[in-house]
Amino acid sequence: MPPTQSIRALQIRAPLHTTGRRYASHEAPQYNEPSGWIFGEKPPPPGQKRVREDWELTWYLGMFGAMGFAGVLHYYKPDTSIQTWALAEAKARMEARGEKYKYEPASS
C-alpha cells in the first residue's frame, strides 16, 4: 500500500476561485405559484365536464378498495385479548375440578 502522503500529492484539487459560493436563494422559486384556483386547475366552461387524468380512477379504486379490504380484515380478525384467553382457561380448569362456572341462584 502506498504511503498516505503520496496519495494526497496525486489528488487534483479544483482552484478556489472557480468553485464559487452557492446560497439557497440564488434562483427563482422551485414551486408552482398560487393561481387562486383549487389545486391550480381552472374550472371548465359551463356545459362541459372536467376531464379526468389517467391516474385518478386507479387511485380512487386503489385507495377506497384498500380501505374496504382493511375494514373487512379488521371485522373478522381473531380475538387474541388476554381476557378472552383467561376466561376460557378458567372455565376449562373449573370444569376439570367439577365446579360450575355459571352462577345459579339458590332456590328458596
PDB file of N, CA and C in Angstrom:
ATOM      1  N   MET A   1       0.847  -1.179   0.000  1.00  0.00           N
ATOM      2  CA  MET A   1       0.000   0.000   0.000  1.00  0.00           C
ATOM      3  C   MET A   1       0.891   1.240   0.000  1.00  0.00           C
ATOM      4  N   PRO A   2       0.629   2.210  -0.881  1.00  0.00           N
ATOM      5  CA  PRO A   2       1.482   3.399  -0.941  1.00  0.00           C
ATOM      6  C   PRO A   2       1.265   4.280   0.284  1.00  0.00           C
ATOM      7  N   PRO A   3       2.275   5.031   0.639  1.00  0.00           N
ATOM      8  CA  PRO A   3       2.133   5.918   1.798  1.00  0.00           C
ATOM      9  C   PRO A   3       1.060   6.988   1.542  1.00  0.00           C
ATOM     10  N   THR A   4       0.479   7.497   2.608  1.00  0.00           N
ATOM     11  CA  THR A   4      -0.625   8.455   2.530  1.00  0.00           C
ATOM     12  C   THR A   4      -0.196   9.758   1.870  1.00  0.00           C
ATOM     13  N   GLN A   5       1.021  10.193   2.094  1.00  0.00           N
ATOM     14  CA  GLN A   5       1.464  11.472   1.545  1.00  0.00           C
ATOM     15  C   GLN A   5       1.530  11.441   0.027  1.00  0.00           C
ATOM     16  N   SER A   6       1.900  10.305  -0.546  1.00  0.00           N
ATOM     17  CA  SER A   6       1.985  10.252  -1.999  1.00  0.00           C
ATOM     18  C   SER A   6       0.581  10.229  -2.624  1.00  0.00           C
ATOM     19  N   ILE A   7      -0.400   9.635  -1.941  1.00  0.00           N
ATOM     20  CA  ILE A   7      -1.775   9.642  -2.444  1.00  0.00           C
ATOM     21  C   ILE A   7      -2.326  11.058  -2.411  1.00  0.00           C
ATOM     22  N   ARG A   8      -2.033  11.767  -1.341  1.00  0.00           N
ATOM     23  CA  ARG A   8      -2.504  13.143  -1.231  1.00  0.00           C
ATOM     24  C   ARG A   8      -1.870  14.031  -2.304  1.00  0.00           C
ATOM     25  N   ALA A   9      -0.654  13.743  -2.666  1.00  0.00           N
ATOM     26  CA  ALA A   9       0.013  14.543  -3.691  1.00  0.00           C
ATOM     27  C   ALA A   9      -0.600  14.303  -5.066  1.00  0.00           C
ATOM     28  N   LEU A  10      -1.160  13.123  -5.306  1.00  0.00           N
ATOM     29  CA  LEU A  10      -1.746  12.807  -6.599  1.00  0.00           C
ATOM     30  C   LEU A  10      -3.167  13.368  -6.771  1.00  0.00           C
ATOM     31  N   GLN A  11      -3.813  13.704  -5.666  1.00  0.00           N
ATOM     32  CA  GLN A  11      -5.175  14.221  -5.767  1.00  0.00           C
ATOM     33  C   GLN A  11      -5.177  15.582  -6.461  1.00  0.00           C
ATOM     34  N   ILE A  12      -6.177  15.740  -7.327  1.00  0.00           N
ATOM     35  CA  ILE A  12      -6.303  17.008  -8.041  1.00  0.00           C
ATOM     36  C   ILE A  12      -7.370  17.823  -7.346  1.00  0.00           C
ATOM     37  N   ARG A  13      -7.021  19.022  -7.008  1.00  0.00           N
ATOM     38  CA  ARG A  13      -7.969  19.898  -6.324  1.00  0.00           C
ATOM     39  C   ARG A  13      -8.351  21.037  -7.258  1.00  0.00           C
ATOM     40  N   ALA A  14      -9.631  21.380  -7.230  1.00  0.00           N
ATOM     41  CA  ALA A  14     -10.099  22.496  -8.045  1.00  0.00           C
ATOM     42  C   ALA A  14      -9.650  23.795  -7.405  1.00  0.00           C
ATOM     43  N   PRO A  15      -9.251  24.747  -8.207  1.00  0.00           N
ATOM     44  CA  PRO A  15      -8.864  26.037  -7.639  1.00  0.00           C
ATOM     45  C   PRO A  15     -10.066  26.690  -6.932  1.00  0.00           C
ATOM     46  N   LEU A  16      -9.784  27.427  -5.886  1.00  0.00           N
ATOM     47  CA  LEU A  16     -10.847  28.019  -5.089  1.00  0.00           C
ATOM     48  C   LEU A  16     -11.627  29.087  -5.853  1.00  0.00           C
ATOM     49  N   HIS A  17     -10.989  29.768  -6.791  1.00  0.00           N
ATOM     50  CA  HIS A  17     -11.675  30.861  -7.484  1.00  0.00           C
ATOM     51  C   HIS A  17     -12.696  30.359  -8.515  1.00  0.00           C
ATOM     52  N   THR A  18     -12.667  29.074  -8.922  1.00  0.00           N
ATOM     53  CA  THR A  18     -13.619  28.576  -9.915  1.00  0.00           C
ATOM     54  C   THR A  18     -14.860  27.944  -9.275  1.00  0.00           C
ATOM     55  N   THR A  19     -14.790  27.554  -8.017  1.00  0.00           N
ATOM     56  CA  THR A  19     -15.932  26.854  -7.423  1.00  0.00           C
ATOM     57  C   THR A  19     -17.051  27.808  -7.039  1.00  0.00           C
ATOM     58  N   GLY A  20     -16.776  28.950  -6.489  1.00  0.00           N
ATOM     59  CA  GLY A  20     -17.802  29.925  -6.127  1.00  0.00           C
ATOM     60  C   GLY A  20     -18.689  29.443  -4.994  1.00  0.00           C
ATOM     61  N   ARG A  21     -19.440  30.356  -4.425  1.00  0.00           N
ATOM     62  CA  ARG A  21     -20.341  30.017  -3.326  1.00  0.00           C
ATOM     63  C   ARG A  21     -21.769  29.966  -3.836  1.00  0.00           C
ATOM     64  N   ARG A  22     -22.545  29.081  -3.247  1.00  0.00           N
ATOM     65  CA  ARG A  22     -23.955  28.979  -3.615  1.00  0.00           C
ATOM     66  C   ARG A  22     -24.798  29.236  -2.378  1.00  0.00           C
ATOM     67  N   TYR A  23     -25.838  29.988  -2.565  1.00  0.00           N
ATOM     68  CA  TYR A  23     -26.756  30.285  -1.475  1.00  0.00           C
ATOM     69  C   TYR A  23     -28.131  29.717  -1.809  1.00  0.00           C
ATOM     70  N   ALA A  24     -28.990  29.606  -0.814  1.00  0.00           N
ATOM     71  CA  ALA A  24     -30.302  28.983  -1.002  1.00  0.00           C
ATOM     72  C   ALA A  24     -31.203  29.801  -1.914  1.00  0.00           C
ATOM     73  N   SER A  25     -31.007  31.107  -2.003  1.00  0.00           N
ATOM     74  CA  SER A  25     -31.924  31.936  -2.783  1.00  0.00           C
ATOM     75  C   SER A  25     -31.289  32.431  -4.080  1.00  0.00           C
ATOM     76  N   HIS A  26     -30.533  31.590  -4.756  1.00  0.00           N
ATOM     77  CA  HIS A  26     -29.846  32.042  -5.963  1.00  0.00           C
ATOM     78  C   HIS A  26     -30.666  31.873  -7.234  1.00  0.00           C
ATOM     79  N   GLU A  27     -31.851  31.233  -7.159  1.00  0.00           N
ATOM     80  CA  GLU A  27     -32.657  31.034  -8.352  1.00  0.00           C
ATOM     81  C   GLU A  27     -34.100  31.418  -8.075  1.00  0.00           C
ATOM     82  N   ALA A  28     -34.931  31.267  -9.089  1.00  0.00           N
ATOM     83  CA  ALA A  28     -36.368  31.523  -8.944  1.00  0.00           C
ATOM     84  C   ALA A  28     -36.986  30.441  -8.057  1.00  0.00           C
ATOM     85  N   PRO A  29     -38.172  30.679  -7.525  1.00  0.00           N
ATOM     86  CA  PRO A  29     -38.809  29.679  -6.664  1.00  0.00           C
ATOM     87  C   PRO A  29     -39.013  28.345  -7.391  1.00  0.00           C
ATOM     88  N   GLN A  30     -38.834  27.244  -6.670  1.00  0.00           N
ATOM     89  CA  GLN A  30     -38.947  25.915  -7.253  1.00  0.00           C
ATOM     90  C   GLN A  30     -40.313  25.297  -6.986  1.00  0.00           C
ATOM     91  N   TYR A  31     -41.354  26.079  -6.871  1.00  0.00           N
ATOM     92  CA  TYR A  31     -42.697  25.573  -6.645  1.00  0.00           C
ATOM     93  C   TYR A  31     -43.659  26.298  -7.570  1.00  0.00           C
ATOM     94  N   ASN A  32     -44.855  25.764  -7.697  1.00  0.00           N
ATOM     95  CA  ASN A  32     -45.858  26.390  -8.543  1.00  0.00           C
ATOM     96  C   ASN A  32     -46.471  27.571  -7.807  1.00  0.00           C
ATOM     97  N   GLU A  33     -46.447  28.699  -8.428  1.00  0.00           N
ATOM     98  CA  GLU A  33     -47.030  29.890  -7.820  1.00  0.00           C
ATOM     99  C   GLU A  33     -48.540  29.699  -7.667  1.00  0.00           C
ATOM    100  N   PRO A  34     -49.139  30.222  -6.588  1.00  0.00           N
ATOM    101  CA  PRO A  34     -50.584  30.080  -6.417  1.00  0.00           C
ATOM    102  C   PRO A  34     -51.347  30.814  -7.511  1.00  0.00           C
ATOM    103  N   SER A  35     -52.380  30.151  -8.051  1.00  0.00           N
ATOM    104  CA  SER A  35     -53.149  30.753  -9.138  1.00  0.00           C
ATOM    105  C   SER A  35     -54.519  31.233  -8.680  1.00  0.00           C
ATOM    106  N   GLY A  36     -54.955  30.807  -7.479  1.00  0.00           N
ATOM    107  CA  GLY A  36     -56.273  31.176  -6.999  1.00  0.00           C
ATOM    108  C   GLY A  36     -57.315  30.120  -7.293  1.00  0.00           C
ATOM    109  N   TRP A  37     -57.001  29.121  -8.129  1.00  0.00           N
ATOM    110  CA  TRP A  37     -57.930  28.042  -8.430  1.00  0.00           C
ATOM    111  C   TRP A  37     -57.596  26.850  -7.544  1.00  0.00           C
ATOM    112  N   ILE A  38     -58.613  26.079  -7.170  1.00  0.00           N
ATOM    113  CA  ILE A  38     -58.376  24.919  -6.313  1.00  0.00           C
ATOM    114  C   ILE A  38     -57.505  23.912  -7.056  1.00  0.00           C
ATOM    115  N   PHE A  39     -56.453  23.472  -6.426  1.00  0.00           N
ATOM    116  CA  PHE A  39     -55.452  22.558  -6.976  1.00  0.00           C
ATOM    117  C   PHE A  39     -54.800  23.116  -8.233  1.00  0.00           C
ATOM    118  N   GLY A  40     -54.892  24.422  -8.471  1.00  0.00           N
ATOM    119  CA  GLY A  40     -54.275  25.052  -9.631  1.00  0.00           C
ATOM    120  C   GLY A  40     -54.948  24.688 -10.941  1.00  0.00           C
ATOM    121  N   GLU A  41     -56.197  24.205 -10.876  1.00  0.00           N
ATOM    122  CA  GLU A  41     -56.894  23.742 -12.068  1.00  0.00           C
ATOM    123  C   GLU A  41     -58.073  24.671 -12.359  1.00  0.00           C
ATOM    124  N   LYS A  42     -58.051  25.302 -13.494  1.00  0.00           N
ATOM    125  CA  LYS A  42     -59.117  26.230 -13.871  1.00  0.00           C
ATOM    126  C   LYS A  42     -60.380  25.443 -14.211  1.00  0.00           C
ATOM    127  N   PRO A  43     -61.546  25.841 -13.678  1.00  0.00           N
ATOM    128  CA  PRO A  43     -62.766  25.083 -13.971  1.00  0.00           C
ATOM    129  C   PRO A  43     -63.141  25.173 -15.452  1.00  0.00           C
ATOM    130  N   PRO A  44     -63.774  24.107 -15.970  1.00  0.00           N
ATOM    131  CA  PRO A  44     -64.144  24.121 -17.397  1.00  0.00           C
ATOM    132  C   PRO A  44     -65.296  25.100 -17.639  1.00  0.00           C
ATOM    133  N   PRO A  45     -65.477  25.512 -18.879  1.00  0.00           N
ATOM    134  CA  PRO A  45     -66.589  26.413 -19.203  1.00  0.00           C
ATOM    135  C   PRO A  45     -67.933  25.752 -18.886  1.00  0.00           C
ATOM    136  N   PRO A  46     -68.982  26.530 -18.665  1.00  0.00           N
ATOM    137  CA  PRO A  46     -70.300  25.945 -18.368  1.00  0.00           C
ATOM    138  C   PRO A  46     -70.752  25.012 -19.486  1.00  0.00           C
ATOM    139  N   GLY A  47     -71.328  23.881 -19.081  1.00  0.00           N
ATOM    140  CA  GLY A  47     -71.815  22.897 -20.044  1.00  0.00           C
ATOM    141  C   GLY A  47     -70.798  21.837 -20.409  1.00  0.00           C
ATOM    142  N   GLN A  48     -69.562  21.962 -19.940  1.00  0.00           N
ATOM    143  CA  GLN A  48     -68.541  20.961 -20.225  1.00  0.00           C
ATOM    144  C   GLN A  48     -68.147  20.260 -18.939  1.00  0.00           C
ATOM    145  N   LYS A  49     -67.823  18.963 -19.049  1.00  0.00           N
ATOM    146  CA  LYS A  49     -67.384  18.188 -17.896  1.00  0.00           C
ATOM    147  C   LYS A  49     -65.869  18.264 -17.756  1.00  0.00           C
ATOM    148  N   ARG A  50     -65.434  18.122 -16.534  1.00  0.00           N
ATOM    149  CA  ARG A  50     -63.994  18.070 -16.267  1.00  0.00           C
ATOM    150  C   ARG A  50     -63.449  16.738 -16.776  1.00  0.00           C
ATOM    151  N   VAL A  51     -62.327  16.762 -17.449  1.00  0.00           N
ATOM    152  CA  VAL A  51     -61.705  15.552 -17.974  1.00  0.00           C
ATOM    153  C   VAL A  51     -60.764  15.008 -16.908  1.00  0.00           C
ATOM    154  N   ARG A  52     -60.984  13.743 -16.535  1.00  0.00           N
ATOM    155  CA  ARG A  52     -60.112  13.113 -15.539  1.00  0.00           C
ATOM    156  C   ARG A  52     -58.749  12.803 -16.143  1.00  0.00           C
ATOM    157  N   GLU A  53     -57.755  12.816 -15.276  1.00  0.00           N
ATOM    158  CA  GLU A  53     -56.431  12.390 -15.715  1.00  0.00           C
ATOM    159  C   GLU A  53     -56.363  10.872 -15.635  1.00  0.00           C
ATOM    160  N   ASP A  54     -55.355  10.278 -16.261  1.00  0.00           N
ATOM    161  CA  ASP A  54     -55.259   8.818 -16.366  1.00  0.00           C
ATOM    162  C   ASP A  54     -55.131   8.140 -15.002  1.00  0.00           C
ATOM    163  N   TRP A  55     -54.449   8.743 -14.062  1.00  0.00           N
ATOM    164  CA  TRP A  55     -54.156   8.097 -12.794  1.00  0.00           C
ATOM    165  C   TRP A  55     -55.293   8.202 -11.789  1.00  0.00           C
ATOM    166  N   GLU A  56     -56.260   9.072 -12.003  1.00  0.00           N
ATOM    167  CA  GLU A  56     -57.265   9.350 -10.979  1.00  0.00           C
ATOM    168  C   GLU A  56     -58.151   8.152 -10.658  1.00  0.00           C
ATOM    169  N   LEU A  57     -58.697   7.466 -11.648  1.00  0.00           N
ATOM    170  CA  LEU A  57     -59.584   6.334 -11.394  1.00  0.00           C
ATOM    171  C   LEU A  57     -58.828   5.216 -10.686  1.00  0.00           C
ATOM    172  N   THR A  58     -57.602   4.955 -11.107  1.00  0.00           N
ATOM    173  CA  THR A  58     -56.783   3.936 -10.450  1.00  0.00           C
ATOM    174  C   THR A  58     -56.540   4.293  -8.996  1.00  0.00           C
ATOM    175  N   TRP A  59     -56.278   5.560  -8.726  1.00  0.00           N
ATOM    176  CA  TRP A  59     -56.020   5.991  -7.354  1.00  0.00           C
ATOM    177  C   TRP A  59     -57.276   5.829  -6.507  1.00  0.00           C
ATOM    178  N   TYR A  60     -58.446   6.261  -7.022  1.00  0.00           N
ATOM    179  CA  TYR A  60     -59.689   6.146  -6.257  1.00  0.00           C
ATOM    180  C   TYR A  60     -60.012   4.683  -5.954  1.00  0.00           C
ATOM    181  N   LEU A  61     -59.930   3.828  -6.973  1.00  0.00           N
ATOM    182  CA  LEU A  61     -60.227   2.409  -6.764  1.00  0.00           C
ATOM    183  C   LEU A  61     -59.229   1.777  -5.796  1.00  0.00           C
ATOM    184  N   GLY A  62     -57.964   2.102  -5.942  1.00  0.00           N
ATOM    185  CA  GLY A  62     -56.950   1.531  -5.056  1.00  0.00           C
ATOM    186  C   GLY A  62     -57.095   2.009  -3.628  1.00  0.00           C
ATOM    187  N   MET A  63     -57.324   3.297  -3.427  1.00  0.00           N
ATOM    188  CA  MET A  63     -57.410   3.847  -2.083  1.00  0.00           C
ATOM    189  C   MET A  63     -58.649   3.349  -1.350  1.00  0.00           C
ATOM    190  N   PHE A  64     -59.819   3.493  -1.970  1.00  0.00           N
ATOM    191  CA  PHE A  64     -61.047   3.089  -1.301  1.00  0.00           C
ATOM    192  C   PHE A  64     -61.191   1.570  -1.257  1.00  0.00           C
ATOM    193  N   GLY A  65     -60.664   0.870  -2.249  1.00  0.00           N
ATOM    194  CA  GLY A  65     -60.655  -0.589  -2.197  1.00  0.00           C
ATOM    195  C   GLY A  65     -59.790  -1.103  -1.057  1.00  0.00           C
ATOM    196  N   ALA A  66     -58.636  -0.483  -0.865  1.00  0.00           N
ATOM    197  CA  ALA A  66     -57.752  -0.886   0.233  1.00  0.00           C
ATOM    198  C   ALA A  66     -58.393  -0.582   1.581  1.00  0.00           C
ATOM    199  N   MET A  67     -59.091   0.553   1.695  1.00  0.00           N
ATOM    200  CA  MET A  67     -59.777   0.860   2.962  1.00  0.00           C
ATOM    201  C   MET A  67     -60.897  -0.138   3.234  1.00  0.00           C
ATOM    202  N   GLY A  68     -61.659  -0.512   2.192  1.00  0.00           N
ATOM    203  CA  GLY A  68     -62.714  -1.508   2.369  1.00  0.00           C
ATOM    204  C   GLY A  68     -62.149  -2.863   2.763  1.00  0.00           C
ATOM    205  N   PHE A  69     -61.067  -3.266   2.120  1.00  0.00           N
ATOM    206  CA  PHE A  69     -60.422  -4.544   2.445  1.00  0.00           C
ATOM    207  C   PHE A  69     -59.886  -4.538   3.875  1.00  0.00           C
ATOM    208  N   ALA A  70     -59.295  -3.420   4.292  1.00  0.00           N
ATOM    209  CA  ALA A  70     -58.797  -3.312   5.666  1.00  0.00           C
ATOM    210  C   ALA A  70     -59.946  -3.368   6.666  1.00  0.00           C
ATOM    211  N   GLY A  71     -61.102  -2.781   6.323  1.00  0.00           N
ATOM    212  CA  GLY A  71     -62.265  -2.842   7.202  1.00  0.00           C
ATOM    213  C   GLY A  71     -62.765  -4.270   7.372  1.00  0.00           C
ATOM    214  N   VAL A  72     -62.815  -5.027   6.261  1.00  0.00           N
ATOM    215  CA  VAL A  72     -63.251  -6.427   6.343  1.00  0.00           C
ATOM    216  C   VAL A  72     -62.263  -7.239   7.171  1.00  0.00           C
ATOM    217  N   LEU A  73     -60.975  -7.042   6.967  1.00  0.00           N
ATOM    218  CA  LEU A  73     -59.973  -7.749   7.766  1.00  0.00           C
ATOM    219  C   LEU A  73     -60.091  -7.412   9.245  1.00  0.00           C
ATOM    220  N   HIS A  74     -60.336  -6.149   9.547  1.00  0.00           N
ATOM    221  CA  HIS A  74     -60.468  -5.734  10.945  1.00  0.00           C
ATOM    222  C   HIS A  74     -61.711  -6.340  11.588  1.00  0.00           C
ATOM    223  N   TYR A  75     -62.803  -6.456  10.826  1.00  0.00           N
ATOM    224  CA  TYR A  75     -64.047  -7.008  11.368  1.00  0.00           C
ATOM    225  C   TYR A  75     -63.888  -8.491  11.692  1.00  0.00           C
ATOM    226  N   TYR A  76     -63.191  -9.232  10.845  1.00  0.00           N
ATOM    227  CA  TYR A  76     -63.064 -10.673  11.013  1.00  0.00           C
ATOM    228  C   TYR A  76     -61.765 -11.109  11.695  1.00  0.00           C
ATOM    229  N   LYS A  77     -61.024 -10.202  12.274  1.00  0.00           N
ATOM    230  CA  LYS A  77     -59.770 -10.605  12.907  1.00  0.00           C
ATOM    231  C   LYS A  77     -60.062 -11.442  14.153  1.00  0.00           C
ATOM    232  N   PRO A  78     -59.203 -12.382  14.502  1.00  0.00           N
ATOM    233  CA  PRO A  78     -59.454 -13.227  15.670  1.00  0.00           C
ATOM    234  C   PRO A  78     -59.281 -12.438  16.968  1.00  0.00           C
ATOM    235  N   ASP A  79     -60.014 -12.867  17.985  1.00  0.00           N
ATOM    236  CA  ASP A  79     -59.926 -12.218  19.294  1.00  0.00           C
ATOM    237  C   ASP A  79     -58.730 -12.799  20.036  1.00  0.00           C
ATOM    238  N   THR A  80     -57.699 -12.022  20.222  1.00  0.00           N
ATOM    239  CA  THR A  80     -56.488 -12.501  20.876  1.00  0.00           C
ATOM    240  C   THR A  80     -56.226 -11.762  22.187  1.00  0.00           C
ATOM    241  N   SER A  81     -57.280 -11.233  22.815  1.00  0.00           N
ATOM    242  CA  SER A  81     -57.070 -10.482  24.047  1.00  0.00           C
ATOM    243  C   SER A  81     -56.778 -11.439  25.209  1.00  0.00           C
ATOM    244  N   ILE A  82     -56.105 -10.939  26.200  1.00  0.00           N
ATOM    245  CA  ILE A  82     -55.750 -11.752  27.362  1.00  0.00           C
ATOM    246  C   ILE A  82     -56.986 -12.108  28.188  1.00  0.00           C
ATOM    247  N   GLN A  83     -58.002 -11.239  28.173  1.00  0.00           N
ATOM    248  CA  GLN A  83     -59.212 -11.512  28.943  1.00  0.00           C
ATOM    249  C   GLN A  83     -59.959 -12.719  28.364  1.00  0.00           C
ATOM    250  N   THR A  84     -60.048 -12.820  27.053  1.00  0.00           N
ATOM    251  CA  THR A  84     -60.735 -13.947  26.416  1.00  0.00           C
ATOM    252  C   THR A  84     -59.997 -15.245  26.717  1.00  0.00           C
ATOM    253  N   TRP A  85     -58.681 -15.220  26.652  1.00  0.00           N
ATOM    254  CA  TRP A  85     -57.897 -16.415  26.943  1.00  0.00           C
ATOM    255  C   TRP A  85     -58.058 -16.819  28.403  1.00  0.00           C
ATOM    256  N   ALA A  86     -58.021 -15.832  29.310  1.00  0.00           N
ATOM    257  CA  ALA A  86     -58.128 -16.141  30.743  1.00  0.00           C
ATOM    258  C   ALA A  86     -59.497 -16.715  31.078  1.00  0.00           C
ATOM    259  N   LEU A  87     -60.570 -16.203  30.476  1.00  0.00           N
ATOM    260  CA  LEU A  87     -61.910 -16.726  30.730  1.00  0.00           C
ATOM    261  C   LEU A  87     -62.021 -18.178  30.265  1.00  0.00           C
ATOM    262  N   ALA A  88     -61.523 -18.464  29.069  1.00  0.00           N
ATOM    263  CA  ALA A  88     -61.570 -19.837  28.562  1.00  0.00           C
ATOM    264  C   ALA A  88     -60.732 -20.767  29.433  1.00  0.00           C
ATOM    265  N   GLU A  89     -59.582 -20.300  29.878  1.00  0.00           N
ATOM    266  CA  GLU A  89     -58.709 -21.116  30.737  1.00  0.00           C
ATOM    267  C   GLU A  89     -59.363 -21.378  32.093  1.00  0.00           C
ATOM    268  N   ALA A  90     -59.994 -20.353  32.666  1.00  0.00           N
ATOM    269  CA  ALA A  90     -60.666 -20.519  33.960  1.00  0.00           C
ATOM    270  C   ALA A  90     -61.835 -21.493  33.837  1.00  0.00           C
ATOM    271  N   LYS A  91     -62.614 -21.392  32.756  1.00  0.00           N
ATOM    272  CA  LYS A  91     -63.725 -22.329  32.555  1.00  0.00           C
ATOM    273  C   LYS A  91     -63.212 -23.755  32.431  1.00  0.00           C
ATOM    274  N   ALA A  92     -62.140 -23.958  31.677  1.00  0.00           N
ATOM    275  CA  ALA A  92     -61.593 -25.306  31.496  1.00  0.00           C
ATOM    276  C   ALA A  92     -61.085 -25.873  32.814  1.00  0.00           C
ATOM    277  N   ARG A  93     -60.430 -25.079  33.631  1.00  0.00           N
ATOM    278  CA  ARG A  93     -59.908 -25.565  34.919  1.00  0.00           C
ATOM    279  C   ARG A  93     -61.041 -25.875  35.897  1.00  0.00           C
ATOM    280  N   MET A  94     -62.077 -25.015  35.896  1.00  0.00           N
ATOM    281  CA  MET A  94     -63.195 -25.262  36.805  1.00  0.00           C
ATOM    282  C   MET A  94     -63.966 -26.513  36.387  1.00  0.00           C
ATOM    283  N   GLU A  95     -64.144 -26.742  35.085  1.00  0.00           N
ATOM    284  CA  GLU A  95     -64.801 -27.958  34.630  1.00  0.00           C
ATOM    285  C   GLU A  95     -63.981 -29.190  34.973  1.00  0.00           C
ATOM    286  N   ALA A  96     -62.651 -29.085  34.901  1.00  0.00           N
ATOM    287  CA  ALA A  96     -61.780 -30.211  35.240  1.00  0.00           C
ATOM    288  C   ALA A  96     -61.899 -30.570  36.722  1.00  0.00           C
ATOM    289  N   ARG A  97     -62.145 -29.576  37.572  1.00  0.00           N
ATOM    290  CA  ARG A  97     -62.303 -29.823  39.013  1.00  0.00           C
ATOM    291  C   ARG A  97     -63.735 -30.218  39.365  1.00  0.00           C
ATOM    292  N   GLY A  98     -64.656 -30.110  38.404  1.00  0.00           N
ATOM    293  CA  GLY A  98     -66.044 -30.467  38.654  1.00  0.00           C
ATOM    294  C   GLY A  98     -66.865 -29.326  39.227  1.00  0.00           C
ATOM    295  N   GLU A  99     -66.394 -28.101  39.131  1.00  0.00           N
ATOM    296  CA  GLU A  99     -67.117 -26.940  39.654  1.00  0.00           C
ATOM    297  C   GLU A  99     -67.959 -26.320  38.550  1.00  0.00           C
ATOM    298  N   LYS A 100     -68.990 -25.574  38.954  1.00  0.00           N
ATOM    299  CA  LYS A 100     -69.819 -24.855  37.995  1.00  0.00           C
ATOM    300  C   LYS A 100     -69.219 -23.467  37.796  1.00  0.00           C
ATOM    301  N   TYR A 101     -69.167 -23.051  36.554  1.00  0.00           N
ATOM    302  CA  TYR A 101     -68.618 -21.701  36.309  1.00  0.00           C
ATOM    303  C   TYR A 101     -69.720 -20.681  36.062  1.00  0.00           C
ATOM    304  N   LYS A 102     -70.973 -21.114  35.937  1.00  0.00           N
ATOM    305  CA  LYS A 102     -72.082 -20.197  35.784  1.00  0.00           C
ATOM    306  C   LYS A 102     -72.765 -20.029  37.141  1.00  0.00           C
ATOM    307  N   TYR A 103     -73.150 -18.812  37.433  1.00  0.00           N
ATOM    308  CA  TYR A 103     -73.823 -18.521  38.690  1.00  0.00           C
ATOM    309  C   TYR A 103     -75.281 -18.943  38.589  1.00  0.00           C
ATOM    310  N   GLU A 104     -75.698 -19.748  39.507  1.00  0.00           N
ATOM    311  CA  GLU A 104     -77.099 -20.144  39.597  1.00  0.00           C
ATOM    312  C   GLU A 104     -77.581 -19.811  40.993  1.00  0.00           C
ATOM    313  N   PRO A 105     -78.557 -18.922  41.117  1.00  0.00           N
ATOM    314  CA  PRO A 105     -79.023 -18.562  42.454  1.00  0.00           C
ATOM    315  C   PRO A 105     -79.701 -19.750  43.137  1.00  0.00           C
ATOM    316  N   ALA A 106     -79.538 -19.798  44.414  1.00  0.00           N
ATOM    317  CA  ALA A 106     -80.153 -20.890  45.198  1.00  0.00           C
ATOM    318  C   ALA A 106     -81.654 -20.662  45.258  1.00  0.00           C
ATOM    319  N   SER A 107     -82.423 -21.713  45.045  1.00  0.00           N
ATOM    320  CA  SER A 107     -83.880 -21.560  45.108  1.00  0.00           C
ATOM    321  C   SER A 107     -84.310 -21.608  46.561  1.00  0.00           C
ATOM    322  N   SER A 108     -85.279 -20.760  46.943  1.00  0.00           N
ATOM    323  CA  SER A 108     -85.704 -20.753  48.341  1.00  0.00           C
ATOM    324  C   SER A 108     -87.039 -21.396  48.562  1.00  0.00           C
TER     325      SER A 108
END
